[in-house]
Amino acid sequence: MNETATIVARVHEALRSLDLPDVVIALGGSLAKGNADALSDVDLYVFAASFPDPHWLRQRVAGHLPEAGAFSAWGTPSECGVDFVLDERPVEIWFRRTDEVLAGVARALSGAVERDERVWTPNGFYRHTALSDLSSMSVLACDNAAFATMLAEIRAYPEALRQAVFAHGLEALDFWNGNLHLDTAIARQDRYYLESIYHQVRTGLVQCAFAANRKYFGGDKKMQEALEQLGALPAGFMRAILPEGTAADASSAQWRGLFDRAFAMADPLRQIYQQTDTDRRS
């Protein structure tokens, strides 16, 4: 058993000792997705019908792992976390109420695209990101039959969500392409405004790319690596999403080029979306 596997086993044992009702425990994050690097932490997910105060959870986990240190805890009525360092590896435990997770997945399966403002994700938290985490996590214990059924249901990308995410992703692009306010901002080289619009358009295109490929969007981290793993992308997509250099001193012509390259991705993405839909039906 390697060092990481040993840490996971020890934390799993500590979590099992909490005796939470109908508990599901899983390894998540980059370790479960297979893209961990030397800086990656160890992410454990815990789903339960209810859980005690996060500070009580911190004390119980700390008591079971006396060699761990740098403990912290946070919490809301529906979720909480306990973080610490074990054998020099950061460990994050995310506790979530099972009923809320199941309800959120049900909304996503029906085609709901929900985006919340969260300080820890600069482009907003897309709730369907949870399906990427859930579908890729490695289940260590599952005492909840409904949760197990849900995991089986999301193995295939739900078509209603795919349609909704793709349409949502094109909204910013369709709005700004040919927009007078954008043209004026480019002429003025209104940098802050332009950077905000440009990133909004790119974020939408990323959502479209994942939906077109029937791949769950997993969040903004390691985006270049994630995009490179998609099976079909328009020519020039990576350059449009992740251009080289900086826009700090960009001229009006350079700004126009950035936006034109981004806008040019819409039709090729639609073609990929339609082709993958045809392939599914054939």
Protein backbone atom coordinates (compact mmCIF):
# COMPACT_ATOMS: atom_id res chain seq x y z
CA MET A 1 0.00 0.00 0.00
CA ASN A 2 1.50 3.36 -1.05
CA GLU A 3 1.59 6.49 1.09
CA THR A 4 -1.58 8.01 -0.37
CA ALA A 5 -3.52 4.78 -0.08
CA THR A 6 -2.43 4.49 3.55
CA ILE A 7 -3.69 8.00 4.30
CA VAL A 8 -7.02 7.26 2.60
CA ALA A 9 -7.44 4.03 4.56
CA ARG A 10 -6.69 5.73 7.89
CA VAL A 11 -9.07 8.63 7.24
CA HIS A 12 -11.75 6.22 6.02
CA GLU A 13 -11.48 4.32 9.29
CA ALA A 14 -11.81 7.56 11.24
CA LEU A 15 -14.92 8.52 9.26
CA ARG A 16 -16.49 5.11 9.78
CA SER A 17 -16.06 5.57 13.52
CA LEU A 18 -18.44 8.57 13.42
CA ASP A 19 -21.44 6.20 12.92
CA LEU A 20 -23.29 8.62 10.66
CA PRO A 21 -26.73 7.47 9.41
CA ASP A 22 -26.99 5.98 5.88
CA VAL A 23 -23.45 7.13 5.20
CA VAL A 24 -21.63 7.17 1.87
CA ILE A 25 -17.85 7.70 1.95
CA ALA A 26 -15.80 8.22 -1.19
CA LEU A 27 -12.42 9.36 -2.44
CA GLY A 28 -12.86 12.32 -4.74
CA GLY A 29 -11.00 15.17 -6.38
CA SER A 30 -7.95 14.78 -8.58
CA LEU A 31 -6.93 11.48 -7.01
CA ALA A 32 -10.19 9.87 -8.09
CA LYS A 33 -10.08 11.54 -11.52
CA GLY A 34 -6.51 10.42 -12.14
CA ASN A 35 -4.99 13.86 -12.68
CA ALA A 36 -3.35 14.42 -9.29
CA ASP A 37 0.06 16.05 -9.08
CA ALA A 38 2.57 16.73 -6.33
CA LEU A 39 0.48 19.65 -5.06
CA SER A 40 -2.84 17.80 -4.94
CA ASP A 41 -4.60 17.26 -1.63
CA VAL A 42 -6.55 14.20 -0.52
CA ASP A 43 -10.30 14.78 -0.91
CA LEU A 44 -12.80 12.62 0.97
CA TYR A 45 -16.56 13.04 0.47
CA VAL A 46 -19.04 12.05 3.15
CA PHE A 47 -22.78 11.98 2.41
CA ALA A 48 -25.22 11.34 5.23
CA ALA A 49 -28.82 11.97 6.26
CA SER A 50 -27.51 14.33 8.94
CA PHE A 51 -24.27 15.16 10.68
CA PRO A 52 -23.26 16.86 13.94
CA ASP A 53 -21.67 20.25 14.44
CA PRO A 54 -18.44 20.61 12.35
CA HIS A 55 -16.37 21.35 15.45
CA TRP A 56 -17.59 18.10 17.03
CA LEU A 57 -16.64 16.31 13.82
CA ARG A 58 -13.20 17.94 13.92
CA GLN A 59 -12.68 16.78 17.49
CA ARG A 60 -13.75 13.22 16.71
CA VAL A 61 -11.55 12.97 13.62
CA ALA A 62 -8.62 14.52 15.50
CA GLY A 63 -9.09 12.03 18.31
CA HIS A 64 -8.93 9.15 15.86
CA LEU A 65 -5.89 10.61 14.08
CA PRO A 66 -3.72 12.04 16.88
CA GLU A 67 -0.71 12.43 14.58
CA ALA A 68 -2.63 14.80 12.28
CA GLY A 69 -2.39 18.56 12.72
CA ALA A 70 -3.41 22.01 11.45
CA PHE A 71 -7.11 21.21 11.89
CA SER A 72 -9.82 23.60 10.75
CA ALA A 73 -13.57 23.30 10.34
CA TRP A 74 -16.34 25.20 8.60
CA GLY A 75 -20.01 24.59 8.17
CA THR A 76 -23.52 25.53 7.09
CA PRO A 77 -26.80 23.73 7.88
CA SER A 78 -26.46 21.59 4.73
CA GLU A 79 -22.72 21.03 4.41
CA CYS A 80 -19.50 21.33 6.34
CA GLY A 81 -15.84 20.50 6.13
CA VAL A 82 -12.94 19.32 8.24
CA ASP A 83 -9.43 19.98 6.91
CA PHE A 84 -6.08 18.91 8.32
CA VAL A 85 -2.59 17.71 7.45
CA LEU A 86 -1.63 14.05 7.80
CA ASP A 87 1.86 12.76 6.97
CA GLU A 88 2.57 16.15 5.37
CA ARG A 89 -0.40 15.81 2.99
CA PRO A 90 -3.36 18.20 3.10
CA VAL A 91 -6.61 16.33 3.63
CA GLU A 92 -10.06 17.81 2.99
CA ILE A 93 -13.26 16.13 4.14
CA TRP A 94 -16.49 17.48 2.71
CA PHE A 95 -19.69 16.48 4.52
CA ARG A 96 -22.96 16.93 2.63
CA ARG A 97 -26.58 16.06 3.34
CA THR A 98 -27.66 13.22 1.10
CA ASP A 99 -31.16 14.55 0.47
CA GLU A 100 -29.83 17.84 -0.89
CA VAL A 101 -27.34 16.07 -3.15
CA LEU A 102 -30.02 13.77 -4.54
CA ALA A 103 -32.37 16.73 -5.10
CA GLY A 104 -29.66 18.68 -6.92
CA VAL A 105 -28.85 15.71 -9.15
CA ALA A 106 -32.54 15.25 -9.93
CA ARG A 107 -32.75 18.89 -11.07
CA ALA A 108 -29.67 18.45 -13.25
CA LEU A 109 -31.09 15.28 -14.79
CA SER A 110 -34.19 17.29 -15.75
CA GLY A 111 -32.05 19.96 -17.45
CA ALA A 112 -31.59 22.61 -14.76
CA VAL A 113 -28.46 24.78 -15.14
CA GLU A 114 -27.87 26.48 -11.78
CA ARG A 115 -25.03 28.89 -11.14
CA ASP A 116 -24.27 30.37 -7.73
CA GLU A 117 -21.77 32.98 -6.61
CA ARG A 118 -19.14 31.32 -4.44
CA VAL A 119 -15.94 33.03 -3.36
CA TRP A 120 -13.87 29.88 -3.92
CA THR A 121 -14.72 29.59 -7.61
CA PRO A 122 -14.10 32.85 -9.50
CA ASN A 123 -16.38 32.04 -12.45
CA GLY A 124 -19.33 31.02 -10.30
CA PHE A 125 -20.29 27.58 -9.05
CA TYR A 126 -22.18 25.52 -11.61
CA ARG A 127 -24.15 23.00 -9.62
CA HIS A 128 -23.89 20.39 -12.37
CA THR A 129 -20.16 20.27 -11.54
CA ALA A 130 -21.27 17.91 -8.78
CA LEU A 131 -22.08 15.29 -11.41
CA SER A 132 -18.43 15.26 -12.48
CA ASP A 133 -17.37 14.69 -8.88
CA LEU A 134 -20.02 12.07 -8.22
CA SER A 135 -19.46 10.12 -11.44
CA SER A 136 -15.68 9.98 -10.99
CA MET A 137 -15.36 9.40 -7.24
CA SER A 138 -14.20 6.08 -5.84
CA VAL A 139 -16.80 4.80 -3.38
CA LEU A 140 -15.31 3.38 -0.19
CA ALA A 141 -18.58 2.70 1.64
CA CYS A 142 -22.24 3.05 0.63
CA ASP A 143 -25.03 2.39 3.11
CA ASN A 144 -27.69 4.23 1.09
CA ALA A 145 -29.56 2.41 -1.69
CA ALA A 146 -31.03 5.60 -3.21
CA PHE A 147 -27.55 7.08 -3.49
CA ALA A 148 -26.27 3.96 -5.22
CA THR A 149 -29.16 4.15 -7.69
CA MET A 150 -28.34 7.79 -8.44
CA LEU A 151 -24.69 6.93 -9.15
CA ALA A 152 -25.86 4.38 -11.71
CA GLU A 153 -28.18 6.93 -13.36
CA ILE A 154 -25.44 9.52 -13.98
CA ARG A 155 -22.96 7.16 -15.62
CA ALA A 156 -24.32 8.41 -18.94
CA TYR A 157 -24.50 12.16 -19.52
CA PRO A 158 -28.19 13.15 -19.24
CA GLU A 159 -29.48 14.51 -22.54
CA ALA A 160 -31.73 17.16 -20.95
CA LEU A 161 -28.75 18.63 -19.09
CA ARG A 162 -26.60 18.49 -22.22
CA GLN A 163 -29.12 20.54 -24.19
CA ALA A 164 -29.54 23.08 -21.39
CA VAL A 165 -25.79 23.52 -20.74
CA PHE A 166 -25.05 24.02 -24.44
CA ALA A 167 -27.80 26.62 -24.82
CA HIS A 168 -26.68 28.39 -21.63
CA GLY A 169 -23.08 28.42 -22.80
CA LEU A 170 -23.91 30.28 -26.01
CA GLU A 171 -25.95 33.01 -24.32
CA ALA A 172 -23.02 35.38 -23.63
CA LEU A 173 -21.50 34.82 -27.06
CA ASP A 174 -24.79 35.46 -28.86
CA PHE A 175 -25.38 38.58 -26.79
CA TRP A 176 -21.97 40.19 -27.29
CA ASN A 177 -21.29 39.26 -30.91
CA GLY A 178 -22.07 42.45 -32.83
CA ASN A 179 -23.04 44.32 -29.67
CA LEU A 180 -22.60 48.10 -29.86
CA HIS A 181 -21.32 48.34 -26.29
CA LEU A 182 -18.58 45.84 -27.03
CA ASP A 183 -17.59 47.70 -30.20
CA THR A 184 -17.38 50.94 -28.22
CA ALA A 185 -15.33 49.32 -25.48
CA ILE A 186 -12.88 47.95 -28.06
CA ALA A 187 -12.49 51.39 -29.63
CA ARG A 188 -11.82 52.88 -26.18
CA GLN A 189 -9.56 49.97 -25.13
CA ASP A 190 -11.63 49.80 -21.97
CA ARG A 191 -9.48 47.06 -20.51
CA TYR A 192 -11.37 46.03 -17.35
CA TYR A 193 -14.71 45.92 -19.14
CA LEU A 194 -13.24 44.03 -22.08
CA GLU A 195 -11.48 41.48 -19.89
CA SER A 196 -14.73 40.82 -18.04
CA ILE A 197 -16.72 40.30 -21.24
CA TYR A 198 -14.00 38.19 -22.82
CA HIS A 199 -13.83 35.88 -19.86
CA GLN A 200 -17.62 35.61 -19.74
CA VAL A 201 -17.64 34.53 -23.40
CA ARG A 202 -14.80 32.04 -22.84
CA THR A 203 -16.54 30.53 -19.83
CA GLY A 204 -19.63 29.92 -21.94
CA LEU A 205 -17.60 28.31 -24.71
CA VAL A 206 -15.96 25.97 -22.22
CA GLN A 207 -19.40 24.89 -21.00
CA CYS A 208 -20.44 24.24 -24.60
CA ALA A 209 -17.32 22.19 -25.33
CA PHE A 210 -17.94 19.84 -22.41
CA ALA A 211 -21.63 19.47 -23.23
CA ALA A 212 -20.94 18.83 -26.92
CA ASN A 213 -18.57 16.02 -25.92
CA ARG A 214 -20.97 14.60 -23.35
CA LYS A 215 -18.42 15.12 -20.61
CA TYR A 216 -19.28 16.50 -17.19
CA PHE A 217 -17.74 19.89 -16.49
CA GLY A 218 -15.43 19.45 -13.52
CA GLY A 219 -14.62 23.04 -12.62
CA ASP A 220 -12.04 25.61 -13.65
CA LYS A 221 -8.85 24.02 -12.32
CA LYS A 222 -6.37 22.49 -14.80
CA MET A 223 -8.55 23.69 -17.69
CA GLN A 224 -5.98 23.19 -20.44
CA GLU A 225 -5.48 19.57 -19.41
CA ALA A 226 -9.24 18.99 -19.17
CA LEU A 227 -9.90 20.46 -22.63
CA GLU A 228 -7.12 18.41 -24.18
CA GLN A 229 -8.90 15.26 -22.99
CA LEU A 230 -12.12 16.10 -24.86
CA GLY A 231 -12.59 14.04 -27.99
CA ALA A 232 -13.77 16.78 -30.34
CA LEU A 233 -12.91 20.48 -30.41
CA PRO A 234 -13.05 23.04 -33.23
CA ALA A 235 -9.77 23.98 -34.87
CA GLY A 236 -8.23 26.91 -32.98
CA PHE A 237 -10.36 26.34 -29.88
CA MET A 238 -7.43 26.18 -27.47
CA ARG A 239 -6.00 29.42 -28.85
CA ALA A 240 -9.38 31.12 -28.50
CA ILE A 241 -9.83 29.97 -24.91
CA LEU A 242 -6.22 30.16 -23.72
CA PRO A 243 -4.46 32.77 -25.89
CA GLU A 244 -0.75 33.30 -25.53
CA GLY A 245 0.56 36.52 -24.03
CA THR A 246 -1.36 39.13 -22.08
CA ALA A 247 -4.06 41.60 -22.93
CA ALA A 248 -2.59 44.23 -20.60
CA ASP A 249 -1.40 46.49 -23.41
CA ALA A 250 -3.58 45.15 -26.21
CA SER A 251 -4.54 47.52 -28.99
CA SER A 252 -8.07 47.84 -30.31
CA ALA A 253 -7.11 45.59 -33.23
CA GLN A 254 -5.74 42.95 -30.87
CA TRP A 255 -8.89 43.04 -28.76
CA ARG A 256 -10.97 42.66 -31.91
CA GLY A 257 -8.89 39.64 -32.87
CA LEU A 258 -9.40 38.01 -29.46
CA PHE A 259 -13.16 38.41 -29.65
CA ASP A 260 -13.40 37.40 -33.31
CA ARG A 261 -11.53 34.16 -32.60
CA ALA A 262 -13.87 33.42 -29.70
CA PHE A 263 -17.01 34.26 -31.68
CA ALA A 264 -15.80 32.05 -34.54
CA MET A 265 -16.04 29.00 -32.26
CA ALA A 266 -19.84 29.07 -32.09
CA ASP A 267 -20.73 27.44 -35.41
CA PRO A 268 -18.05 24.70 -35.23
CA LEU A 269 -19.21 23.86 -31.73
CA ARG A 270 -22.80 23.63 -32.95
CA GLN A 271 -21.65 21.26 -35.68
CA ILE A 272 -19.84 19.03 -33.17
CA TYR A 273 -22.91 19.08 -30.94
CA GLN A 274 -25.16 18.06 -33.83
CA GLN A 275 -22.75 15.38 -35.03
CA THR A 276 -22.41 13.78 -31.61
CA ASP A 277 -26.20 13.86 -31.32
CA THR A 278 -26.49 12.11 -34.71
CA ASP A 279 -23.91 9.51 -33.66
CA ARG A 280 -25.87 8.80 -30.49
CA ARG A 281 -29.10 8.22 -32.41
CA SER A 282 -27.56 6.01 -35.12
